[in-house]
N, C-alpha and C. Protein backbone atom coordinates (compact mmCIF):
# COMPACT_ATOMS: atom_id res chain seq x y z
N LEU A 1 90.78 78.51 98.97
CA LEU A 1 91.83 79.22 98.26
C LEU A 1 93.05 78.31 98.13
N ARG A 2 93.56 78.20 96.91
CA ARG A 2 94.71 77.34 96.70
C ARG A 2 95.99 78.13 96.89
N ARG A 3 96.85 77.65 97.77
CA ARG A 3 98.09 78.35 98.08
C ARG A 3 99.03 78.43 96.87
N SER A 4 98.96 77.47 95.96
CA SER A 4 99.88 77.45 94.84
C SER A 4 99.68 78.62 93.89
N GLN A 5 98.60 79.34 94.01
CA GLN A 5 98.30 80.41 93.07
C GLN A 5 98.86 81.76 93.49
N TRP A 6 99.30 81.92 94.70
CA TRP A 6 99.89 83.16 95.14
C TRP A 6 100.85 82.87 96.27
N THR A 7 101.67 83.86 96.59
CA THR A 7 102.62 83.71 97.68
C THR A 7 101.91 84.07 98.97
N GLU A 8 101.92 83.14 99.91
CA GLU A 8 101.24 83.38 101.18
C GLU A 8 102.22 83.16 102.31
N HIS A 9 102.33 84.12 103.20
CA HIS A 9 103.19 84.03 104.38
C HIS A 9 102.31 84.21 105.60
N GLY A 10 101.96 83.13 106.26
CA GLY A 10 101.05 83.24 107.40
C GLY A 10 99.72 83.78 106.92
N GLN A 11 99.33 84.93 107.41
CA GLN A 11 98.08 85.55 106.99
C GLN A 11 98.31 86.67 105.98
N ASP A 12 99.50 86.71 105.38
CA ASP A 12 99.80 87.70 104.35
C ASP A 12 99.67 87.07 102.98
N VAL A 13 99.18 87.84 102.02
CA VAL A 13 99.09 87.40 100.64
C VAL A 13 99.83 88.43 99.80
N VAL A 14 100.73 87.96 98.92
CA VAL A 14 101.50 88.86 98.07
C VAL A 14 101.09 88.62 96.62
N ILE A 15 100.68 89.72 95.96
CA ILE A 15 100.32 89.69 94.55
C ILE A 15 101.04 90.84 93.88
N GLY A 16 102.02 90.52 93.06
CA GLY A 16 102.81 91.59 92.43
C GLY A 16 103.44 92.46 93.49
N ASN A 17 103.17 93.77 93.42
CA ASN A 17 103.73 94.73 94.38
C ASN A 17 102.89 94.90 95.63
N LEU A 18 101.77 94.19 95.71
CA LEU A 18 100.84 94.38 96.82
C LEU A 18 100.94 93.24 97.83
N ARG A 19 101.09 93.62 99.10
CA ARG A 19 101.06 92.63 100.19
C ARG A 19 99.84 92.94 101.05
N LEU A 20 98.98 91.95 101.18
CA LEU A 20 97.77 92.10 101.99
C LEU A 20 97.97 91.39 103.31
N GLU A 21 97.72 92.08 104.40
CA GLU A 21 97.71 91.47 105.73
C GLU A 21 96.25 91.18 106.02
N MET A 22 95.85 89.93 105.80
CA MET A 22 94.45 89.56 105.82
C MET A 22 93.81 89.78 107.19
N ASN A 23 94.48 89.41 108.26
CA ASN A 23 93.89 89.56 109.59
C ASN A 23 93.69 91.02 109.99
N GLN A 24 94.67 91.86 109.63
CA GLN A 24 94.58 93.28 109.99
C GLN A 24 93.83 94.09 108.93
N ARG A 25 93.56 93.46 107.77
CA ARG A 25 92.91 94.13 106.64
C ARG A 25 93.69 95.39 106.25
N GLU A 26 95.01 95.21 106.15
CA GLU A 26 95.89 96.28 105.73
C GLU A 26 96.62 95.86 104.48
N ALA A 27 97.07 96.84 103.71
CA ALA A 27 97.78 96.57 102.48
C ALA A 27 99.04 97.42 102.40
N TRP A 28 100.05 96.86 101.73
CA TRP A 28 101.32 97.54 101.54
C TRP A 28 101.71 97.39 100.07
N SER A 29 102.21 98.47 99.49
CA SER A 29 102.66 98.43 98.10
C SER A 29 104.01 99.13 98.00
N LYS A 30 104.99 98.40 97.47
CA LYS A 30 106.35 98.95 97.29
C LYS A 30 106.90 99.53 98.59
N GLY A 31 106.65 98.84 99.70
CA GLY A 31 107.20 99.24 100.98
C GLY A 31 106.43 100.29 101.76
N SER A 32 105.39 100.83 101.17
CA SER A 32 104.59 101.86 101.86
C SER A 32 103.18 101.33 102.11
N LYS A 33 102.59 101.81 103.19
CA LYS A 33 101.22 101.41 103.47
C LYS A 33 100.31 101.94 102.38
N ALA A 34 99.46 101.07 101.85
CA ALA A 34 98.52 101.44 100.79
C ALA A 34 97.14 101.62 101.42
N PRO A 35 96.58 102.80 101.29
CA PRO A 35 95.29 103.07 101.93
C PRO A 35 94.12 102.46 101.16
N LEU A 36 93.98 101.14 101.23
CA LEU A 36 92.86 100.48 100.56
C LEU A 36 91.57 100.71 101.34
N THR A 37 90.52 101.02 100.62
CA THR A 37 89.21 101.09 101.26
C THR A 37 88.72 99.67 101.50
N GLU A 38 87.70 99.52 102.31
CA GLU A 38 87.13 98.20 102.57
C GLU A 38 86.62 97.58 101.27
N LEU A 39 86.01 98.36 100.40
CA LEU A 39 85.51 97.81 99.13
C LEU A 39 86.66 97.38 98.21
N GLU A 40 87.73 98.15 98.16
CA GLU A 40 88.89 97.75 97.35
C GLU A 40 89.47 96.44 97.88
N PHE A 41 89.56 96.33 99.19
CA PHE A 41 90.07 95.11 99.81
C PHE A 41 89.16 93.93 99.44
N ARG A 42 87.86 94.14 99.48
CA ARG A 42 86.90 93.08 99.17
C ARG A 42 86.95 92.68 97.71
N VAL A 43 87.22 93.62 96.81
CA VAL A 43 87.35 93.29 95.38
C VAL A 43 88.52 92.35 95.17
N ILE A 44 89.69 92.71 95.68
CA ILE A 44 90.86 91.86 95.48
C ILE A 44 90.69 90.52 96.19
N GLU A 45 90.07 90.54 97.36
CA GLU A 45 89.82 89.30 98.10
C GLU A 45 88.88 88.39 97.31
N TYR A 46 87.86 88.97 96.67
CA TYR A 46 86.92 88.16 95.87
C TYR A 46 87.64 87.57 94.65
N LEU A 47 88.47 88.36 94.00
CA LEU A 47 89.22 87.84 92.85
C LEU A 47 90.14 86.70 93.28
N LEU A 48 90.75 86.82 94.46
CA LEU A 48 91.58 85.74 94.99
C LEU A 48 90.75 84.46 95.19
N LYS A 49 89.58 84.62 95.77
CA LYS A 49 88.73 83.46 96.03
C LYS A 49 88.28 82.78 94.75
N ARG A 50 88.17 83.53 93.67
CA ARG A 50 87.75 82.96 92.39
C ARG A 50 88.89 82.24 91.69
N ASN A 51 90.10 82.33 92.25
CA ASN A 51 91.19 81.44 91.88
C ASN A 51 91.58 81.47 90.40
N GLY A 52 91.65 82.66 89.81
CA GLY A 52 92.06 82.78 88.42
C GLY A 52 90.94 82.70 87.41
N ASP A 53 89.71 82.47 87.87
CA ASP A 53 88.56 82.44 86.96
C ASP A 53 88.20 83.86 86.54
N ALA A 54 87.64 83.99 85.34
CA ALA A 54 87.12 85.28 84.89
C ALA A 54 85.90 85.64 85.73
N VAL A 55 85.82 86.88 86.14
CA VAL A 55 84.72 87.37 86.96
C VAL A 55 84.10 88.56 86.24
N SER A 56 82.81 88.52 86.02
CA SER A 56 82.14 89.61 85.32
C SER A 56 81.97 90.82 86.24
N ARG A 57 81.78 91.97 85.61
CA ARG A 57 81.50 93.18 86.38
C ARG A 57 80.21 92.99 87.18
N ASP A 58 79.20 92.38 86.54
CA ASP A 58 77.93 92.14 87.23
C ASP A 58 78.12 91.28 88.47
N GLU A 59 78.95 90.25 88.36
CA GLU A 59 79.20 89.38 89.51
C GLU A 59 79.88 90.16 90.64
N LEU A 60 80.85 90.99 90.29
CA LEU A 60 81.50 91.81 91.31
C LEU A 60 80.51 92.77 91.95
N LEU A 61 79.66 93.38 91.14
CA LEU A 61 78.65 94.29 91.69
C LEU A 61 77.71 93.57 92.66
N ARG A 62 77.32 92.35 92.30
CA ARG A 62 76.43 91.56 93.17
C ARG A 62 77.13 91.11 94.44
N ARG A 63 78.31 90.51 94.28
CA ARG A 63 79.00 89.86 95.41
C ARG A 63 79.74 90.82 96.33
N VAL A 64 80.29 91.89 95.79
CA VAL A 64 81.07 92.82 96.61
C VAL A 64 80.23 94.01 97.06
N TRP A 65 79.47 94.59 96.12
CA TRP A 65 78.67 95.78 96.45
C TRP A 65 77.25 95.43 96.89
N GLY A 66 76.77 94.23 96.56
CA GLY A 66 75.40 93.85 96.89
C GLY A 66 74.36 94.51 96.00
N LEU A 67 74.76 94.88 94.77
CA LEU A 67 73.85 95.53 93.83
C LEU A 67 73.24 94.51 92.88
N SER A 68 72.12 94.86 92.27
CA SER A 68 71.45 93.96 91.34
C SER A 68 72.11 94.00 89.96
N ASP A 69 71.78 92.99 89.13
CA ASP A 69 72.32 92.90 87.78
C ASP A 69 71.91 94.06 86.89
N SER A 70 70.80 94.69 87.20
CA SER A 70 70.29 95.74 86.33
C SER A 70 71.06 97.06 86.46
N VAL A 71 71.93 97.16 87.44
CA VAL A 71 72.70 98.38 87.64
C VAL A 71 73.81 98.44 86.59
N GLN A 72 73.90 99.53 85.88
CA GLN A 72 74.97 99.76 84.90
C GLN A 72 75.92 100.79 85.48
N THR A 73 77.15 100.40 85.71
CA THR A 73 78.09 101.34 86.33
C THR A 73 79.51 101.00 85.90
N ARG A 74 80.35 102.00 85.89
CA ARG A 74 81.78 101.82 85.61
C ARG A 74 82.57 101.80 86.92
N THR A 75 81.87 101.71 88.02
CA THR A 75 82.52 101.69 89.33
C THR A 75 83.56 100.59 89.42
N VAL A 76 83.22 99.40 88.95
CA VAL A 76 84.14 98.27 89.01
C VAL A 76 85.43 98.62 88.27
N ASP A 77 85.31 99.22 87.10
CA ASP A 77 86.49 99.57 86.30
C ASP A 77 87.39 100.56 87.05
N MET A 78 86.78 101.50 87.76
CA MET A 78 87.56 102.47 88.52
C MET A 78 88.31 101.79 89.68
N PHE A 79 87.65 100.84 90.33
CA PHE A 79 88.31 100.10 91.41
C PHE A 79 89.47 99.27 90.87
N ILE A 80 89.26 98.61 89.73
CA ILE A 80 90.31 97.80 89.12
C ILE A 80 91.50 98.68 88.74
N SER A 81 91.22 99.85 88.18
CA SER A 81 92.28 100.78 87.80
C SER A 81 93.12 101.17 89.02
N ARG A 82 92.47 101.47 90.12
CA ARG A 82 93.18 101.84 91.34
C ARG A 82 94.01 100.67 91.87
N LEU A 83 93.44 99.47 91.86
CA LEU A 83 94.16 98.30 92.34
C LEU A 83 95.37 98.00 91.46
N ARG A 84 95.23 98.16 90.15
CA ARG A 84 96.36 97.93 89.24
C ARG A 84 97.53 98.86 89.56
N LYS A 85 97.25 100.08 89.96
CA LYS A 85 98.33 101.01 90.30
C LYS A 85 99.13 100.52 91.50
N LEU A 86 98.49 99.78 92.37
CA LEU A 86 99.17 99.25 93.56
C LEU A 86 99.86 97.92 93.30
N VAL A 87 99.27 97.11 92.43
CA VAL A 87 99.75 95.74 92.20
C VAL A 87 100.82 95.67 91.10
N GLU A 88 100.59 96.37 90.03
CA GLU A 88 101.39 96.20 88.81
C GLU A 88 102.63 97.09 88.76
N ASP A 89 103.69 96.59 88.12
CA ASP A 89 104.85 97.43 87.83
C ASP A 89 104.47 98.48 86.79
N ASP A 90 103.71 98.07 85.77
CA ASP A 90 103.23 98.97 84.72
C ASP A 90 101.72 98.75 84.59
N PRO A 91 100.90 99.60 85.23
CA PRO A 91 99.45 99.41 85.19
C PRO A 91 98.86 99.40 83.77
N GLY A 92 99.55 100.01 82.82
CA GLY A 92 99.09 100.01 81.43
C GLY A 92 99.30 98.67 80.74
N LYS A 93 100.16 97.84 81.31
CA LYS A 93 100.44 96.50 80.79
C LYS A 93 100.34 95.50 81.94
N PRO A 94 99.13 95.29 82.44
CA PRO A 94 98.97 94.46 83.65
C PRO A 94 99.36 93.00 83.43
N LYS A 95 99.95 92.42 84.47
CA LYS A 95 100.32 91.00 84.49
C LYS A 95 99.51 90.23 85.51
N HIS A 96 98.86 90.93 86.43
CA HIS A 96 98.17 90.26 87.54
C HIS A 96 96.66 90.46 87.51
N ILE A 97 96.20 91.67 87.33
CA ILE A 97 94.76 91.93 87.25
C ILE A 97 94.46 92.15 85.77
N LEU A 98 93.96 91.11 85.13
CA LEU A 98 93.80 91.10 83.68
C LEU A 98 92.36 91.34 83.26
N SER A 99 92.21 92.07 82.16
CA SER A 99 90.88 92.24 81.56
C SER A 99 90.57 91.02 80.71
N VAL A 100 89.34 90.56 80.80
CA VAL A 100 88.86 89.47 79.97
C VAL A 100 87.80 90.08 79.07
N ARG A 101 88.15 90.24 77.81
CA ARG A 101 87.28 90.95 76.86
C ARG A 101 85.87 90.36 76.85
N GLY A 102 84.90 91.24 77.00
CA GLY A 102 83.49 90.83 76.95
C GLY A 102 83.00 90.18 78.23
N VAL A 103 83.88 90.01 79.22
CA VAL A 103 83.48 89.35 80.47
C VAL A 103 83.71 90.26 81.66
N GLY A 104 84.95 90.57 81.96
CA GLY A 104 85.29 91.36 83.14
C GLY A 104 86.76 91.27 83.45
N TYR A 105 87.10 90.64 84.58
CA TYR A 105 88.49 90.60 85.04
C TYR A 105 88.81 89.24 85.63
N ARG A 106 90.11 88.96 85.68
CA ARG A 106 90.59 87.79 86.40
C ARG A 106 91.93 88.13 87.02
N LEU A 107 92.23 87.46 88.11
CA LEU A 107 93.48 87.68 88.82
C LEU A 107 94.46 86.57 88.44
N SER A 108 95.62 86.96 87.99
CA SER A 108 96.69 86.02 87.69
C SER A 108 97.87 86.39 88.57
N VAL A 109 98.27 85.48 89.41
CA VAL A 109 99.39 85.79 90.29
C VAL A 109 100.71 85.35 89.67
N LYS A 110 100.64 84.66 88.57
CA LYS A 110 101.85 84.31 87.83
C LYS A 110 102.17 85.48 86.95
N GLY A 111 103.32 86.04 87.06
CA GLY A 111 103.60 87.21 86.27
C GLY A 111 104.99 87.33 85.98
């Protein structure tokens, strides 16, 4: 993981309004504890590891959920929507968790 792509303080990672405490696996948004599920935490963690690259829904399903490519689901979209509410100032106009048309999503920490 390249530090230049996000703000990192010790074991904390800050993306938009979301601060992740990596060691404790806790999240905070706008000063309040954000009740991230383990899967939500793993989605954002995987996007961080991909370092700004576009990630397909199928890849997220395989790498985070352990599901096969043949599974068709909107689960990923629902998780992204929830994460955007925690990360973005305006989830309808995201600056950090971006949709990549025809591919999936990518994380941009520059916003």
